[in-house]
Amino acid sequence: MTGGADAMSSNADPFGVPQVAAPRPPRHVAIIMDGNGRWAAARGLPRTEGHRRGVEALRRTIGAAIEFGIGTLTVFSFSSENWSRPPAEVQFLFGLLRLFIQRDLADLHERGVRVTVIGARDALPGDIRGLIEQAEGLTAANRALELVVAFNYGARDEIARAARRIAEDVAAGRLDAGAVDETALSTRLDTARFPDPDLIVRTSGEMRLSNFLLWQSAYAEFVFTPVLWPDFDRETLRAALDEYAGRARRFGGIAARSGA
């Protein structure tokens, strides 16, 4: 575990043992929820059962994120590439989103969770767009946890949409071309009001981003766990946070040397 002097309490206990402060949790954790199909196949179950169990894992993870003091939790729920899956599976995933909002929204609201959905909404069924707007509107004032659901989301599409907004603003005279910089693009992304992720976790042992938060992950730490998403729980998240706590984040600079 790193942290040097910042991690040490200035006080000692009555027996003279220095007290070590608990590491601060990352402000923003993003999770690529992967392995539902493999979890189901390993048990001789249909893929849909893996997706259903994945929703249960999401409920556990939301509760653990609140417990651990994480400010923002982003989950990759349905990618823009998932449309290539069999139509019946796509429709099942849409149905799971409907059920999650209908069944869990009241509980999320009561627990102080603010829900935001990122991604392209134009291609989604009208009733799902309505449910998303309902969830976002109801929970807009909540502050216990920012839950960001990436649904019909692809990072390249997100960046392209942001670039298109910049081009429109330049053409309309609202933005000078010389003022186009990283901030101009960042503030036009779906995630504009959230901090960049400190930690990205991918389940199932795969080691790739799969078109997820490409811009925002420039200085994120990564943890790849072999745990399949339906088995993800509080202890799996705790282990990822412990690994994150031991990383030295330099953001392109040089780490401070202890005692220097």
C-alpha atoms as a PDB file:
ATOM      1  CA  MET A   1       0.000   0.000   0.000  1.00  0.00           C
ATOM      2  CA  THR A   2       1.288   3.425  -0.876  1.00  0.00           C
ATOM      3  CA  GLY A   3       0.507   6.822   0.508  1.00  0.00           C
ATOM      4  CA  GLY A   4       3.566   7.650   2.579  1.00  0.00           C
ATOM      5  CA  ALA A   5       3.081  10.361   5.170  1.00  0.00           C
ATOM      6  CA  ASP A   6      -0.383  11.176   3.862  1.00  0.00           C
ATOM      7  CA  ALA A   7      -1.586   7.744   4.891  1.00  0.00           C
ATOM      8  CA  MET A   8      -0.308   7.992   8.454  1.00  0.00           C
ATOM      9  CA  SER A   9      -2.303   9.479  11.289  1.00  0.00           C
ATOM     10  CA  SER A  10      -0.494  12.124  13.336  1.00  0.00           C
ATOM     11  CA  ASN A  11      -1.726  10.442  16.515  1.00  0.00           C
ATOM     12  CA  ALA A  12      -0.709   7.220  18.184  1.00  0.00           C
ATOM     13  CA  ASP A  13      -2.914   4.931  20.211  1.00  0.00           C
ATOM     14  CA  PRO A  14      -2.407   4.692  24.023  1.00  0.00           C
ATOM     15  CA  PHE A  15       0.128   1.897  23.483  1.00  0.00           C
ATOM     16  CA  GLY A  16       2.286   4.005  21.167  1.00  0.00           C
ATOM     17  CA  VAL A  17       1.329   2.208  17.956  1.00  0.00           C
ATOM     18  CA  PRO A  18       0.942   4.635  15.012  1.00  0.00           C
ATOM     19  CA  GLN A  19      -2.548   4.630  13.567  1.00  0.00           C
ATOM     20  CA  VAL A  20      -2.767   4.198   9.801  1.00  0.00           C
ATOM     21  CA  ALA A  21      -5.664   5.963   8.123  1.00  0.00           C
ATOM     22  CA  ALA A  22      -7.786   3.892   5.787  1.00  0.00           C
ATOM     23  CA  PRO A  23      -6.983   4.626   2.129  1.00  0.00           C
ATOM     24  CA  ARG A  24      -9.386   6.979   0.452  1.00  0.00           C
ATOM     25  CA  PRO A  25     -11.701   5.249  -1.996  1.00  0.00           C
ATOM     26  CA  PRO A  26     -11.487   6.268  -5.633  1.00  0.00           C
ATOM     27  CA  ARG A  27     -13.940   9.017  -6.525  1.00  0.00           C
ATOM     28  CA  HIS A  28     -15.093   7.196  -9.627  1.00  0.00           C
ATOM     29  CA  VAL A  29     -15.115   3.454 -10.293  1.00  0.00           C
ATOM     30  CA  ALA A  30     -16.180   2.120 -13.682  1.00  0.00           C
ATOM     31  CA  ILE A  31     -16.972  -1.541 -14.266  1.00  0.00           C
ATOM     32  CA  ILE A  32     -17.121  -3.528 -17.491  1.00  0.00           C
ATOM     33  CA  MET A  33     -19.633  -6.178 -16.465  1.00  0.00           C
ATOM     34  CA  ASP A  34     -18.490  -9.215 -18.447  1.00  0.00           C
ATOM     35  CA  GLY A  35     -19.032 -12.958 -18.304  1.00  0.00           C
ATOM     36  CA  ASN A  36     -22.785 -13.449 -17.993  1.00  0.00           C
ATOM     37  CA  GLY A  37     -22.913 -15.835 -20.948  1.00  0.00           C
ATOM     38  CA  ARG A  38     -19.923 -17.884 -19.802  1.00  0.00           C
ATOM     39  CA  TRP A  39     -21.342 -18.068 -16.274  1.00  0.00           C
ATOM     40  CA  ALA A  40     -24.568 -19.507 -17.671  1.00  0.00           C
ATOM     41  CA  ALA A  41     -22.843 -21.884 -20.103  1.00  0.00           C
ATOM     42  CA  ALA A  42     -20.687 -23.327 -17.327  1.00  0.00           C
ATOM     43  CA  ARG A  43     -23.893 -24.260 -15.495  1.00  0.00           C
ATOM     44  CA  GLY A  44     -25.827 -25.539 -18.484  1.00  0.00           C
ATOM     45  CA  LEU A  45     -28.213 -22.582 -18.284  1.00  0.00           C
ATOM     46  CA  PRO A  46     -29.476 -20.259 -21.023  1.00  0.00           C
ATOM     47  CA  ARG A  47     -27.551 -17.009 -21.536  1.00  0.00           C
ATOM     48  CA  THR A  48     -30.607 -15.100 -20.361  1.00  0.00           C
ATOM     49  CA  GLU A  49     -30.192 -16.584 -16.891  1.00  0.00           C
ATOM     50  CA  GLY A  50     -26.661 -15.224 -16.789  1.00  0.00           C
ATOM     51  CA  HIS A  51     -27.973 -11.755 -17.617  1.00  0.00           C
ATOM     52  CA  ARG A  52     -30.641 -12.074 -14.934  1.00  0.00           C
ATOM     53  CA  ARG A  53     -28.066 -13.038 -12.329  1.00  0.00           C
ATOM     54  CA  GLY A  54     -25.963 -10.137 -13.540  1.00  0.00           C
ATOM     55  CA  VAL A  55     -28.688  -7.731 -12.407  1.00  0.00           C
ATOM     56  CA  GLU A  56     -28.464  -9.250  -8.933  1.00  0.00           C
ATOM     57  CA  ALA A  57     -24.708  -8.630  -8.997  1.00  0.00           C
ATOM     58  CA  LEU A  58     -25.370  -5.014  -9.948  1.00  0.00           C
ATOM     59  CA  ARG A  59     -27.663  -4.577  -6.944  1.00  0.00           C
ATOM     60  CA  ARG A  60     -24.954  -5.963  -4.639  1.00  0.00           C
ATOM     61  CA  THR A  61     -22.336  -3.719  -6.197  1.00  0.00           C
ATOM     62  CA  ILE A  62     -24.415  -0.574  -5.817  1.00  0.00           C
ATOM     63  CA  GLY A  63     -24.863  -1.323  -2.126  1.00  0.00           C
ATOM     64  CA  ALA A  64     -21.135  -1.967  -1.688  1.00  0.00           C
ATOM     65  CA  ALA A  65     -20.233   1.237  -3.549  1.00  0.00           C
ATOM     66  CA  ILE A  66     -22.373   3.253  -1.145  1.00  0.00           C
ATOM     67  CA  GLU A  67     -20.828   1.436   1.823  1.00  0.00           C
ATOM     68  CA  PHE A  68     -17.278   2.084   0.610  1.00  0.00           C
ATOM     69  CA  GLY A  69     -17.885   5.774  -0.031  1.00  0.00           C
ATOM     70  CA  ILE A  70     -17.427   5.722  -3.801  1.00  0.00           C
ATOM     71  CA  GLY A  71     -18.812   8.905  -5.318  1.00  0.00           C
ATOM     72  CA  THR A  72     -19.530   7.735  -8.871  1.00  0.00           C
ATOM     73  CA  LEU A  73     -20.118   4.206 -10.149  1.00  0.00           C
ATOM     74  CA  THR A  74     -20.329   3.705 -13.912  1.00  0.00           C
ATOM     75  CA  VAL A  75     -21.396   0.330 -15.319  1.00  0.00           C
ATOM     76  CA  PHE A  76     -21.175  -0.825 -18.937  1.00  0.00           C
ATOM     77  CA  SER A  77     -24.593  -2.360 -19.460  1.00  0.00           C
ATOM     78  CA  PHE A  78     -25.198  -2.515 -23.232  1.00  0.00           C
ATOM     79  CA  SER A  79     -22.683  -1.482 -25.860  1.00  0.00           C
ATOM     80  CA  SER A  80     -23.410  -0.057 -29.292  1.00  0.00           C
ATOM     81  CA  GLU A  81     -21.834  -3.268 -30.659  1.00  0.00           C
ATOM     82  CA  ASN A  82     -24.270  -5.499 -28.744  1.00  0.00           C
ATOM     83  CA  TRP A  83     -26.890  -4.914 -31.445  1.00  0.00           C
ATOM     84  CA  SER A  84     -25.096  -7.664 -33.389  1.00  0.00           C
ATOM     85  CA  ARG A  85     -26.263 -10.269 -30.868  1.00  0.00           C
ATOM     86  CA  PRO A  86     -29.316 -12.408 -31.621  1.00  0.00           C
ATOM     87  CA  PRO A  87     -32.467 -10.228 -31.640  1.00  0.00           C
ATOM     88  CA  ALA A  88     -34.079 -12.288 -28.870  1.00  0.00           C
ATOM     89  CA  GLU A  89     -31.103 -11.638 -26.573  1.00  0.00           C
ATOM     90  CA  VAL A  90     -31.134  -7.917 -27.380  1.00  0.00           C
ATOM     91  CA  GLN A  91     -34.822  -7.727 -26.548  1.00  0.00           C
ATOM     92  CA  PHE A  92     -34.208  -9.631 -23.310  1.00  0.00           C
ATOM     93  CA  LEU A  93     -31.550  -7.091 -22.321  1.00  0.00           C
ATOM     94  CA  PHE A  94     -33.976  -4.271 -23.059  1.00  0.00           C
ATOM     95  CA  GLY A  95     -36.515  -6.031 -20.894  1.00  0.00           C
ATOM     96  CA  LEU A  96     -34.018  -6.306 -18.043  1.00  0.00           C
ATOM     97  CA  LEU A  97     -33.417  -2.556 -18.178  1.00  0.00           C
ATOM     98  CA  ARG A  98     -37.159  -1.957 -18.046  1.00  0.00           C
ATOM     99  CA  LEU A  99     -37.529  -4.257 -15.042  1.00  0.00           C
ATOM    100  CA  PHE A 100     -34.509  -2.803 -13.258  1.00  0.00           C
ATOM    101  CA  ILE A 101     -35.897   0.717 -13.492  1.00  0.00           C
ATOM    102  CA  GLN A 102     -39.453  -0.306 -12.633  1.00  0.00           C
ATOM    103  CA  ARG A 103     -38.507  -2.526  -9.675  1.00  0.00           C
ATOM    104  CA  ASP A 104     -35.397  -0.836  -8.295  1.00  0.00           C
ATOM    105  CA  LEU A 105     -35.951   2.865  -8.917  1.00  0.00           C
ATOM    106  CA  ALA A 106     -37.885   3.501  -5.709  1.00  0.00           C
ATOM    107  CA  ASP A 107     -35.229   1.732  -3.629  1.00  0.00           C
ATOM    108  CA  LEU A 108     -32.387   3.566  -5.387  1.00  0.00           C
ATOM    109  CA  HIS A 109     -34.142   6.866  -4.772  1.00  0.00           C
ATOM    110  CA  GLU A 110     -34.680   6.051  -1.101  1.00  0.00           C
ATOM    111  CA  ARG A 111     -30.971   5.230  -0.729  1.00  0.00           C
ATOM    112  CA  GLY A 112     -29.957   8.547  -2.269  1.00  0.00           C
ATOM    113  CA  VAL A 113     -28.703   7.204  -5.601  1.00  0.00           C
ATOM    114  CA  ARG A 114     -28.749   9.561  -8.570  1.00  0.00           C
ATOM    115  CA  VAL A 115     -29.259   7.706 -11.866  1.00  0.00           C
ATOM    116  CA  THR A 116     -27.827   8.911 -15.164  1.00  0.00           C
ATOM    117  CA  VAL A 117     -27.871   6.960 -18.426  1.00  0.00           C
ATOM    118  CA  ILE A 118     -25.222   7.713 -21.048  1.00  0.00           C
ATOM    119  CA  GLY A 119     -25.106   6.600 -24.656  1.00  0.00           C
ATOM    120  CA  ALA A 120     -27.094   7.183 -27.841  1.00  0.00           C
ATOM    121  CA  ARG A 121     -30.812   7.197 -27.045  1.00  0.00           C
ATOM    122  CA  ASP A 122     -32.279   7.782 -30.497  1.00  0.00           C
ATOM    123  CA  ALA A 123     -32.256   4.074 -31.391  1.00  0.00           C
ATOM    124  CA  LEU A 124     -33.901   2.966 -28.135  1.00  0.00           C
ATOM    125  CA  PRO A 125     -37.599   2.130 -27.922  1.00  0.00           C
ATOM    126  CA  GLY A 126     -39.760   5.058 -26.830  1.00  0.00           C
ATOM    127  CA  ASP A 127     -40.876   3.443 -23.586  1.00  0.00           C
ATOM    128  CA  ILE A 128     -37.279   2.862 -22.515  1.00  0.00           C
ATOM    129  CA  ARG A 129     -36.421   6.496 -23.243  1.00  0.00           C
ATOM    130  CA  GLY A 130     -39.391   7.472 -21.101  1.00  0.00           C
ATOM    131  CA  LEU A 131     -38.270   5.242 -18.224  1.00  0.00           C
ATOM    132  CA  ILE A 132     -34.750   6.669 -18.421  1.00  0.00           C
ATOM    133  CA  GLU A 133     -36.093  10.210 -18.238  1.00  0.00           C
ATOM    134  CA  GLN A 134     -38.309   9.218 -15.302  1.00  0.00           C
ATOM    135  CA  ALA A 135     -35.349   7.701 -13.414  1.00  0.00           C
ATOM    136  CA  GLU A 136     -33.120  10.691 -14.058  1.00  0.00           C
ATOM    137  CA  GLY A 137     -35.801  13.181 -13.109  1.00  0.00           C
ATOM    138  CA  LEU A 138     -36.835  11.456  -9.883  1.00  0.00           C
ATOM    139  CA  THR A 139     -33.286  11.023  -8.587  1.00  0.00           C
ATOM    140  CA  ALA A 140     -31.748  14.300  -9.813  1.00  0.00           C
ATOM    141  CA  ALA A 141     -31.270  15.740  -6.314  1.00  0.00           C
ATOM    142  CA  ASN A 142     -29.739  12.616  -4.759  1.00  0.00           C
ATOM    143  CA  ARG A 143     -26.116  12.657  -3.642  1.00  0.00           C
ATOM    144  CA  ALA A 144     -25.262   9.365  -1.879  1.00  0.00           C
ATOM    145  CA  LEU A 145     -23.998   7.803  -5.125  1.00  0.00           C
ATOM    146  CA  GLU A 146     -23.901   8.782  -8.785  1.00  0.00           C
ATOM    147  CA  LEU A 147     -24.920   5.664 -10.709  1.00  0.00           C
ATOM    148  CA  VAL A 148     -24.043   6.061 -14.390  1.00  0.00           C
ATOM    149  CA  VAL A 149     -25.447   3.362 -16.672  1.00  0.00           C
ATOM    150  CA  ALA A 150     -23.793   3.132 -20.082  1.00  0.00           C
ATOM    151  CA  PHE A 151     -26.580   1.771 -22.294  1.00  0.00           C
ATOM    152  CA  ASN A 152     -26.334   1.677 -26.087  1.00  0.00           C
ATOM    153  CA  TYR A 153     -22.970   3.263 -25.431  1.00  0.00           C
ATOM    154  CA  GLY A 154     -19.774   3.242 -27.478  1.00  0.00           C
ATOM    155  CA  ALA A 155     -16.823   5.503 -26.694  1.00  0.00           C
ATOM    156  CA  ARG A 156     -15.986   6.180 -30.341  1.00  0.00           C
ATOM    157  CA  ASP A 157     -19.583   7.194 -30.995  1.00  0.00           C
ATOM    158  CA  GLU A 158     -19.516   9.414 -27.906  1.00  0.00           C
ATOM    159  CA  ILE A 159     -16.345  11.160 -29.089  1.00  0.00           C
ATOM    160  CA  ALA A 160     -17.753  11.546 -32.604  1.00  0.00           C
ATOM    161  CA  ARG A 161     -20.945  13.110 -31.225  1.00  0.00           C
ATOM    162  CA  ALA A 162     -18.873  15.506 -29.115  1.00  0.00           C
ATOM    163  CA  ALA A 163     -16.786  16.464 -32.165  1.00  0.00           C
ATOM    164  CA  ARG A 164     -19.968  17.055 -34.131  1.00  0.00           C
ATOM    165  CA  ARG A 165     -21.221  19.430 -31.438  1.00  0.00           C
ATOM    166  CA  ILE A 166     -17.938  21.323 -31.598  1.00  0.00           C
ATOM    167  CA  ALA A 167     -18.220  21.595 -35.376  1.00  0.00           C
ATOM    168  CA  GLU A 168     -21.787  22.888 -35.062  1.00  0.00           C
ATOM    169  CA  ASP A 169     -20.748  25.466 -32.458  1.00  0.00           C
ATOM    170  CA  VAL A 170     -17.856  26.670 -34.610  1.00  0.00           C
ATOM    171  CA  ALA A 171     -20.095  26.900 -37.677  1.00  0.00           C
ATOM    172  CA  ALA A 172     -22.695  28.870 -35.712  1.00  0.00           C
ATOM    173  CA  GLY A 173     -20.082  31.271 -34.335  1.00  0.00           C
ATOM    174  CA  ARG A 174     -20.572  30.140 -30.739  1.00  0.00           C
ATOM    175  CA  LEU A 175     -17.013  28.809 -30.518  1.00  0.00           C
ATOM    176  CA  ASP A 176     -13.788  30.001 -32.091  1.00  0.00           C
ATOM    177  CA  ALA A 177     -11.866  27.264 -33.875  1.00  0.00           C
ATOM    178  CA  GLY A 178      -8.728  28.340 -32.052  1.00  0.00           C
ATOM    179  CA  ALA A 179     -10.427  27.602 -28.736  1.00  0.00           C
ATOM    180  CA  VAL A 180     -10.986  23.930 -29.540  1.00  0.00           C
ATOM    181  CA  ASP A 181      -8.951  22.026 -26.974  1.00  0.00           C
ATOM    182  CA  GLU A 182      -9.267  19.062 -24.610  1.00  0.00           C
ATOM    183  CA  THR A 183     -11.677  20.947 -22.377  1.00  0.00           C
ATOM    184  CA  ALA A 184     -13.904  21.821 -25.325  1.00  0.00           C
ATOM    185  CA  LEU A 185     -14.271  18.147 -26.155  1.00  0.00           C
ATOM    186  CA  SER A 186     -14.516  16.898 -22.556  1.00  0.00           C
ATOM    187  CA  THR A 187     -17.378  19.263 -21.770  1.00  0.00           C
ATOM    188  CA  ARG A 188     -19.350  17.873 -24.711  1.00  0.00           C
ATOM    189  CA  LEU A 189     -19.007  14.217 -23.761  1.00  0.00           C
ATOM    190  CA  ASP A 190     -21.852  12.276 -22.143  1.00  0.00           C
ATOM    191  CA  THR A 191     -19.787  12.201 -18.943  1.00  0.00           C
ATOM    192  CA  ALA A 192     -19.125  15.964 -18.822  1.00  0.00           C
ATOM    193  CA  ARG A 193     -20.318  16.450 -15.230  1.00  0.00           C
ATOM    194  CA  PHE A 194     -18.458  13.459 -13.785  1.00  0.00           C
ATOM    195  CA  PRO A 195     -14.788  13.134 -12.846  1.00  0.00           C
ATOM    196  CA  ASP A 196     -12.737  10.807 -15.015  1.00  0.00           C
ATOM    197  CA  PRO A 197     -12.663   7.260 -13.625  1.00  0.00           C
ATOM    198  CA  ASP A 198      -9.885   6.570 -11.146  1.00  0.00           C
ATOM    199  CA  LEU A 199     -10.359   2.818 -11.405  1.00  0.00           C
ATOM    200  CA  ILE A 200     -11.737   0.623 -14.184  1.00  0.00           C
ATOM    201  CA  VAL A 201     -12.575  -2.973 -13.293  1.00  0.00           C
ATOM    202  CA  ARG A 202     -13.255  -5.638 -15.893  1.00  0.00           C
ATOM    203  CA  THR A 203     -14.631  -9.003 -14.874  1.00  0.00           C
ATOM    204  CA  SER A 204     -14.238 -12.447 -16.524  1.00  0.00           C
ATOM    205  CA  GLY A 205     -10.482 -12.225 -17.071  1.00  0.00           C
ATOM    206  CA  GLU A 206     -10.636 -10.339 -20.376  1.00  0.00           C
ATOM    207  CA  MET A 207      -8.080  -7.529 -20.683  1.00  0.00           C
ATOM    208  CA  ARG A 208      -9.447  -4.882 -23.007  1.00  0.00           C
ATOM    209  CA  LEU A 209     -11.626  -1.764 -22.862  1.00  0.00           C
ATOM    210  CA  SER A 210     -14.096  -2.826 -25.561  1.00  0.00           C
ATOM    211  CA  ASN A 211     -14.856   0.757 -26.639  1.00  0.00           C
ATOM    212  CA  PHE A 212     -15.628   1.927 -23.093  1.00  0.00           C
ATOM    213  CA  LEU A 213     -14.674   5.395 -21.786  1.00  0.00           C
ATOM    214  CA  LEU A 214     -11.698   5.664 -24.153  1.00  0.00           C
ATOM    215  CA  TRP A 215     -11.186   9.401 -23.635  1.00  0.00           C
ATOM    216  CA  GLN A 216     -11.910   9.391 -19.910  1.00  0.00           C
ATOM    217  CA  SER A 217      -9.635   6.455 -19.067  1.00  0.00           C
ATOM    218  CA  ALA A 218      -6.370   8.195 -20.053  1.00  0.00           C
ATOM    219  CA  TYR A 219      -4.979   7.978 -16.507  1.00  0.00           C
ATOM    220  CA  ALA A 220      -7.274   5.389 -14.942  1.00  0.00           C
ATOM    221  CA  GLU A 221      -5.929   2.421 -13.039  1.00  0.00           C
ATOM    222  CA  PHE A 222      -7.089  -0.994 -14.292  1.00  0.00           C
ATOM    223  CA  VAL A 223      -7.956  -4.137 -12.378  1.00  0.00           C
ATOM    224  CA  PHE A 224      -8.803  -7.289 -14.328  1.00  0.00           C
ATOM    225  CA  THR A 225     -10.447 -10.002 -12.268  1.00  0.00           C
ATOM    226  CA  PRO A 226     -11.236 -13.568 -13.390  1.00  0.00           C
ATOM    227  CA  VAL A 227     -14.531 -13.410 -11.486  1.00  0.00           C
ATOM    228  CA  LEU A 228     -17.501 -13.657 -13.842  1.00  0.00           C
ATOM    229  CA  TRP A 229     -19.937 -10.803 -13.410  1.00  0.00           C
ATOM    230  CA  PRO A 230     -22.842 -12.795 -11.865  1.00  0.00           C
ATOM    231  CA  ASP A 231     -20.448 -13.814  -9.055  1.00  0.00           C
ATOM    232  CA  PHE A 232     -19.196 -10.259  -8.420  1.00  0.00           C
ATOM    233  CA  ASP A 233     -19.925  -9.132  -4.877  1.00  0.00           C
ATOM    234  CA  ARG A 234     -18.813  -6.865  -2.050  1.00  0.00           C
ATOM    235  CA  GLU A 235     -15.591  -8.777  -1.436  1.00  0.00           C
ATOM    236  CA  THR A 236     -14.630  -8.731  -5.124  1.00  0.00           C
ATOM    237  CA  LEU A 237     -15.071  -4.966  -5.174  1.00  0.00           C
ATOM    238  CA  ARG A 238     -13.174  -4.657  -1.909  1.00  0.00           C
ATOM    239  CA  ALA A 239     -10.257  -6.613  -3.413  1.00  0.00           C
ATOM    240  CA  ALA A 240     -10.194  -4.297  -6.448  1.00  0.00           C
ATOM    241  CA  LEU A 241     -10.181  -1.249  -4.177  1.00  0.00           C
ATOM    242  CA  ASP A 242      -7.345  -2.742  -2.122  1.00  0.00           C
ATOM    243  CA  GLU A 243      -5.312  -3.293  -5.277  1.00  0.00           C
ATOM    244  CA  TYR A 244      -6.040   0.270  -6.388  1.00  0.00           C
ATOM    245  CA  ALA A 245      -4.902   1.579  -2.998  1.00  0.00           C
ATOM    246  CA  GLY A 246      -1.481   0.046  -3.596  1.00  0.00           C
ATOM    247  CA  ARG A 247      -0.927   1.815  -6.916  1.00  0.00           C
ATOM    248  CA  ALA A 248       1.304   4.903  -7.283  1.00  0.00           C
ATOM    249  CA  ARG A 249      -0.584   7.305  -9.548  1.00  0.00           C
ATOM    250  CA  ARG A 250       1.841   9.684 -11.273  1.00  0.00           C
ATOM    251  CA  PHE A 251      -0.286  11.165 -14.090  1.00  0.00           C
ATOM    252  CA  GLY A 252       2.786  11.411 -16.302  1.00  0.00           C
ATOM    253  CA  GLY A 253       5.002  12.818 -13.550  1.00  0.00           C
ATOM    254  CA  ILE A 254       7.479  11.272 -11.148  1.00  0.00           C
ATOM    255  CA  ALA A 255       6.365   9.647  -7.925  1.00  0.00           C
ATOM    256  CA  ALA A 256       7.486  11.386  -4.747  1.00  0.00           C
ATOM    257  CA  ARG A 257      10.082   9.396  -2.858  1.00  0.00           C
ATOM    258  CA  SER A 258       9.328   8.674   0.761  1.00  0.00           C
ATOM    259  CA  GLY A 259      11.586  10.702   3.026  1.00  0.00           C
ATOM    260  CA  ALA A 260      12.892  12.912   0.197  1.00  0.00           C
END
